[in-house]
Amino acid sequence: MRTISIYELKAQLSEYIDMIEGGKEEEIVILKNNKTVARITKCHEDEAPIRLGAGLLVAEAKPFVLKSDEDRLDALFGY
């Protein structure tokens, strides 16, 4: 795990993305004023999130993985 500032991320974003994609780093933690504000990790195709819409406001978004189409329907429509 590597820890970097937002300034460093902005200056070398493509290099950090390449590190994650190539497996050199498993996770990169982004700091702002010495506090963790984000993490960069590799996104696996089977873990791709479902987009619910551009107008959706979420106070704290947490990633989740839907294993089947039935799970997707439950998440979207509450069936």
N, C-alpha and C. Protein backbone atom coordinates (compact mmCIF):
# COMPACT_ATOMS: atom_id res chain seq x y z
N MET A 1 0.85 -1.18 0.00
CA MET A 1 0.00 0.00 0.00
C MET A 1 0.89 1.24 0.00
N ARG A 2 0.58 2.14 -0.88
CA ARG A 2 1.33 3.39 -0.98
C ARG A 2 0.40 4.53 -0.54
N THR A 3 0.95 5.54 0.11
CA THR A 3 0.20 6.71 0.55
C THR A 3 0.77 7.94 -0.13
N ILE A 4 -0.12 8.73 -0.76
CA ILE A 4 0.33 9.91 -1.49
C ILE A 4 -0.62 11.08 -1.23
N SER A 5 -0.14 12.29 -1.52
CA SER A 5 -0.97 13.48 -1.38
C SER A 5 -1.78 13.71 -2.66
N ILE A 6 -2.81 14.51 -2.56
CA ILE A 6 -3.60 14.86 -3.74
C ILE A 6 -2.72 15.56 -4.77
N TYR A 7 -1.83 16.42 -4.31
CA TYR A 7 -0.92 17.13 -5.22
C TYR A 7 -0.10 16.13 -6.04
N GLU A 8 0.47 15.13 -5.35
CA GLU A 8 1.28 14.12 -6.04
C GLU A 8 0.42 13.31 -7.00
N LEU A 9 -0.80 12.99 -6.60
CA LEU A 9 -1.70 12.23 -7.47
C LEU A 9 -2.00 13.01 -8.75
N LYS A 10 -2.30 14.29 -8.60
CA LYS A 10 -2.60 15.12 -9.78
C LYS A 10 -1.42 15.18 -10.74
N ALA A 11 -0.23 15.23 -10.19
CA ALA A 11 0.97 15.35 -11.02
C ALA A 11 1.32 14.05 -11.75
N GLN A 12 0.95 12.90 -11.16
CA GLN A 12 1.40 11.62 -11.71
C GLN A 12 0.26 10.59 -11.78
N LEU A 13 -0.95 11.03 -12.08
CA LEU A 13 -2.10 10.14 -12.06
C LEU A 13 -1.92 8.92 -12.96
N SER A 14 -1.49 9.12 -14.19
CA SER A 14 -1.38 7.98 -15.11
C SER A 14 -0.37 6.95 -14.60
N GLU A 15 0.70 7.40 -13.96
CA GLU A 15 1.68 6.46 -13.41
C GLU A 15 1.08 5.61 -12.29
N TYR A 16 0.27 6.22 -11.42
CA TYR A 16 -0.36 5.48 -10.33
C TYR A 16 -1.41 4.51 -10.86
N ILE A 17 -2.14 4.90 -11.87
CA ILE A 17 -3.12 4.00 -12.48
C ILE A 17 -2.39 2.80 -13.09
N ASP A 18 -1.27 3.05 -13.75
CA ASP A 18 -0.47 1.96 -14.33
C ASP A 18 0.05 1.01 -13.25
N MET A 19 0.44 1.56 -12.08
CA MET A 19 0.92 0.72 -10.97
C MET A 19 -0.19 -0.22 -10.50
N ILE A 20 -1.39 0.31 -10.34
CA ILE A 20 -2.53 -0.49 -9.90
C ILE A 20 -2.86 -1.54 -10.96
N GLU A 21 -2.97 -1.11 -12.18
CA GLU A 21 -3.35 -2.00 -13.28
C GLU A 21 -2.32 -3.11 -13.48
N GLY A 22 -1.04 -2.78 -13.34
CA GLY A 22 0.02 -3.76 -13.53
C GLY A 22 0.29 -4.64 -12.33
N GLY A 23 -0.36 -4.36 -11.20
CA GLY A 23 -0.18 -5.18 -10.01
C GLY A 23 1.00 -4.80 -9.14
N LYS A 24 1.68 -3.68 -9.45
CA LYS A 24 2.81 -3.23 -8.62
C LYS A 24 2.34 -2.72 -7.26
N GLU A 25 1.14 -2.17 -7.22
CA GLU A 25 0.52 -1.71 -5.98
C GLU A 25 -0.88 -2.28 -5.91
N GLU A 26 -1.28 -2.75 -4.74
CA GLU A 26 -2.62 -3.28 -4.56
C GLU A 26 -3.61 -2.16 -4.24
N GLU A 27 -3.11 -1.14 -3.53
CA GLU A 27 -3.96 -0.03 -3.11
C GLU A 27 -3.11 1.21 -2.95
N ILE A 28 -3.66 2.36 -3.35
CA ILE A 28 -3.00 3.64 -3.13
C ILE A 28 -3.97 4.50 -2.33
N VAL A 29 -3.50 5.00 -1.19
CA VAL A 29 -4.31 5.83 -0.30
C VAL A 29 -4.00 7.29 -0.58
N ILE A 30 -5.04 8.09 -0.76
CA ILE A 30 -4.91 9.52 -1.08
C ILE A 30 -5.17 10.34 0.19
N LEU A 31 -4.23 11.25 0.50
CA LEU A 31 -4.34 12.10 1.68
C LEU A 31 -4.60 13.55 1.29
N LYS A 32 -5.41 14.20 2.11
CA LYS A 32 -5.62 15.65 2.00
C LYS A 32 -5.47 16.19 3.41
N ASN A 33 -4.53 17.09 3.60
CA ASN A 33 -4.24 17.62 4.94
C ASN A 33 -3.96 16.49 5.93
N ASN A 34 -3.19 15.50 5.46
CA ASN A 34 -2.78 14.34 6.27
C ASN A 34 -3.94 13.47 6.75
N LYS A 35 -5.09 13.55 6.08
CA LYS A 35 -6.23 12.69 6.39
C LYS A 35 -6.60 11.90 5.15
N THR A 36 -6.93 10.63 5.32
CA THR A 36 -7.33 9.79 4.19
C THR A 36 -8.66 10.28 3.63
N VAL A 37 -8.68 10.51 2.32
CA VAL A 37 -9.90 10.96 1.66
C VAL A 37 -10.36 10.01 0.57
N ALA A 38 -9.46 9.15 0.06
CA ALA A 38 -9.83 8.23 -1.01
C ALA A 38 -8.82 7.11 -1.11
N ARG A 39 -9.21 6.06 -1.82
CA ARG A 39 -8.33 4.93 -2.10
C ARG A 39 -8.49 4.55 -3.56
N ILE A 40 -7.39 4.18 -4.18
CA ILE A 40 -7.43 3.67 -5.55
C ILE A 40 -7.11 2.19 -5.48
N THR A 41 -8.00 1.36 -6.02
CA THR A 41 -7.79 -0.08 -6.10
C THR A 41 -8.20 -0.55 -7.48
N LYS A 42 -7.77 -1.73 -7.84
CA LYS A 42 -8.11 -2.29 -9.13
C LYS A 42 -9.58 -2.70 -9.14
N CYS A 43 -10.27 -2.35 -10.19
CA CYS A 43 -11.66 -2.72 -10.36
C CYS A 43 -11.71 -3.97 -11.22
N HIS A 44 -12.28 -5.03 -10.68
CA HIS A 44 -12.43 -6.27 -11.44
C HIS A 44 -13.77 -6.22 -12.17
N GLU A 45 -13.80 -6.72 -13.38
CA GLU A 45 -14.99 -6.62 -14.23
C GLU A 45 -16.23 -7.16 -13.54
N ASP A 46 -16.11 -8.26 -12.78
CA ASP A 46 -17.28 -8.82 -12.11
C ASP A 46 -17.70 -8.02 -10.87
N GLU A 47 -16.93 -7.00 -10.51
CA GLU A 47 -17.27 -6.16 -9.37
C GLU A 47 -17.72 -4.77 -9.79
N ALA A 48 -17.97 -4.58 -11.08
CA ALA A 48 -18.35 -3.26 -11.58
C ALA A 48 -19.67 -2.82 -10.93
N PRO A 49 -19.72 -1.60 -10.43
CA PRO A 49 -20.95 -1.13 -9.78
C PRO A 49 -22.05 -0.84 -10.79
N ILE A 50 -23.27 -0.83 -10.32
CA ILE A 50 -24.43 -0.47 -11.14
C ILE A 50 -24.67 1.01 -10.96
N ARG A 51 -24.86 1.72 -12.07
CA ARG A 51 -25.16 3.14 -11.98
C ARG A 51 -26.65 3.31 -11.78
N LEU A 52 -27.03 4.07 -10.76
CA LEU A 52 -28.43 4.27 -10.45
C LEU A 52 -28.96 5.58 -11.01
N GLY A 53 -28.10 6.47 -11.46
CA GLY A 53 -28.55 7.73 -12.03
C GLY A 53 -27.69 8.88 -11.58
N ALA A 54 -27.59 9.89 -12.42
CA ALA A 54 -26.71 11.02 -12.15
C ALA A 54 -27.22 11.88 -11.00
N GLY A 55 -28.52 11.90 -10.74
CA GLY A 55 -29.07 12.75 -9.71
C GLY A 55 -29.05 12.16 -8.32
N LEU A 56 -28.55 10.95 -8.17
CA LEU A 56 -28.54 10.28 -6.88
C LEU A 56 -27.50 10.91 -5.96
N LEU A 57 -27.94 11.36 -4.80
CA LEU A 57 -27.02 11.91 -3.81
C LEU A 57 -26.86 10.91 -2.68
N VAL A 58 -25.63 10.62 -2.33
CA VAL A 58 -25.35 9.64 -1.28
C VAL A 58 -24.39 10.28 -0.29
N ALA A 59 -24.74 10.23 1.00
CA ALA A 59 -23.88 10.82 2.02
C ALA A 59 -22.56 10.07 2.12
N GLU A 60 -22.63 8.74 2.09
CA GLU A 60 -21.42 7.94 2.16
C GLU A 60 -21.62 6.72 1.28
N ALA A 61 -20.94 6.68 0.16
CA ALA A 61 -21.08 5.58 -0.77
C ALA A 61 -20.14 4.45 -0.36
N LYS A 62 -20.67 3.24 -0.32
CA LYS A 62 -19.86 2.07 -0.02
C LYS A 62 -20.00 1.08 -1.18
N PRO A 63 -18.90 0.53 -1.66
CA PRO A 63 -19.00 -0.40 -2.78
C PRO A 63 -19.69 -1.70 -2.36
N PHE A 64 -20.40 -2.29 -3.30
CA PHE A 64 -21.02 -3.57 -3.07
C PHE A 64 -20.97 -4.37 -4.36
N VAL A 65 -21.06 -5.67 -4.23
CA VAL A 65 -20.98 -6.56 -5.39
C VAL A 65 -22.27 -7.34 -5.48
N LEU A 66 -22.87 -7.33 -6.65
CA LEU A 66 -24.08 -8.10 -6.89
C LEU A 66 -23.69 -9.37 -7.63
N LYS A 67 -24.05 -10.51 -7.09
CA LYS A 67 -23.60 -11.79 -7.63
C LYS A 67 -24.49 -12.32 -8.74
N SER A 68 -25.74 -11.89 -8.81
CA SER A 68 -26.64 -12.44 -9.82
C SER A 68 -27.58 -11.36 -10.33
N ASP A 69 -28.29 -11.68 -11.40
CA ASP A 69 -29.29 -10.75 -11.93
C ASP A 69 -30.41 -10.52 -10.92
N GLU A 70 -30.73 -11.55 -10.15
CA GLU A 70 -31.77 -11.41 -9.13
C GLU A 70 -31.36 -10.39 -8.07
N ASP A 71 -30.08 -10.42 -7.68
CA ASP A 71 -29.57 -9.42 -6.73
C ASP A 71 -29.69 -8.02 -7.31
N ARG A 72 -29.43 -7.89 -8.60
CA ARG A 72 -29.53 -6.58 -9.25
C ARG A 72 -30.95 -6.04 -9.19
N LEU A 73 -31.94 -6.89 -9.45
CA LEU A 73 -33.34 -6.47 -9.38
C LEU A 73 -33.70 -6.08 -7.97
N ASP A 74 -33.24 -6.88 -6.98
CA ASP A 74 -33.53 -6.55 -5.58
C ASP A 74 -32.95 -5.18 -5.23
N ALA A 75 -31.73 -4.93 -5.64
CA ALA A 75 -31.07 -3.67 -5.31
C ALA A 75 -31.75 -2.48 -5.97
N LEU A 76 -32.18 -2.67 -7.21
CA LEU A 76 -32.79 -1.55 -7.94
C LEU A 76 -34.25 -1.31 -7.58
N PHE A 77 -35.02 -2.40 -7.41
CA PHE A 77 -36.46 -2.23 -7.28
C PHE A 77 -37.04 -2.78 -5.98
N GLY A 78 -36.23 -3.42 -5.15
CA GLY A 78 -36.70 -3.93 -3.88
C GLY A 78 -37.60 -5.14 -4.00
N TYR A 79 -37.48 -5.91 -5.06
CA TYR A 79 -38.31 -7.12 -5.23
C TYR A 79 -37.87 -8.19 -4.29
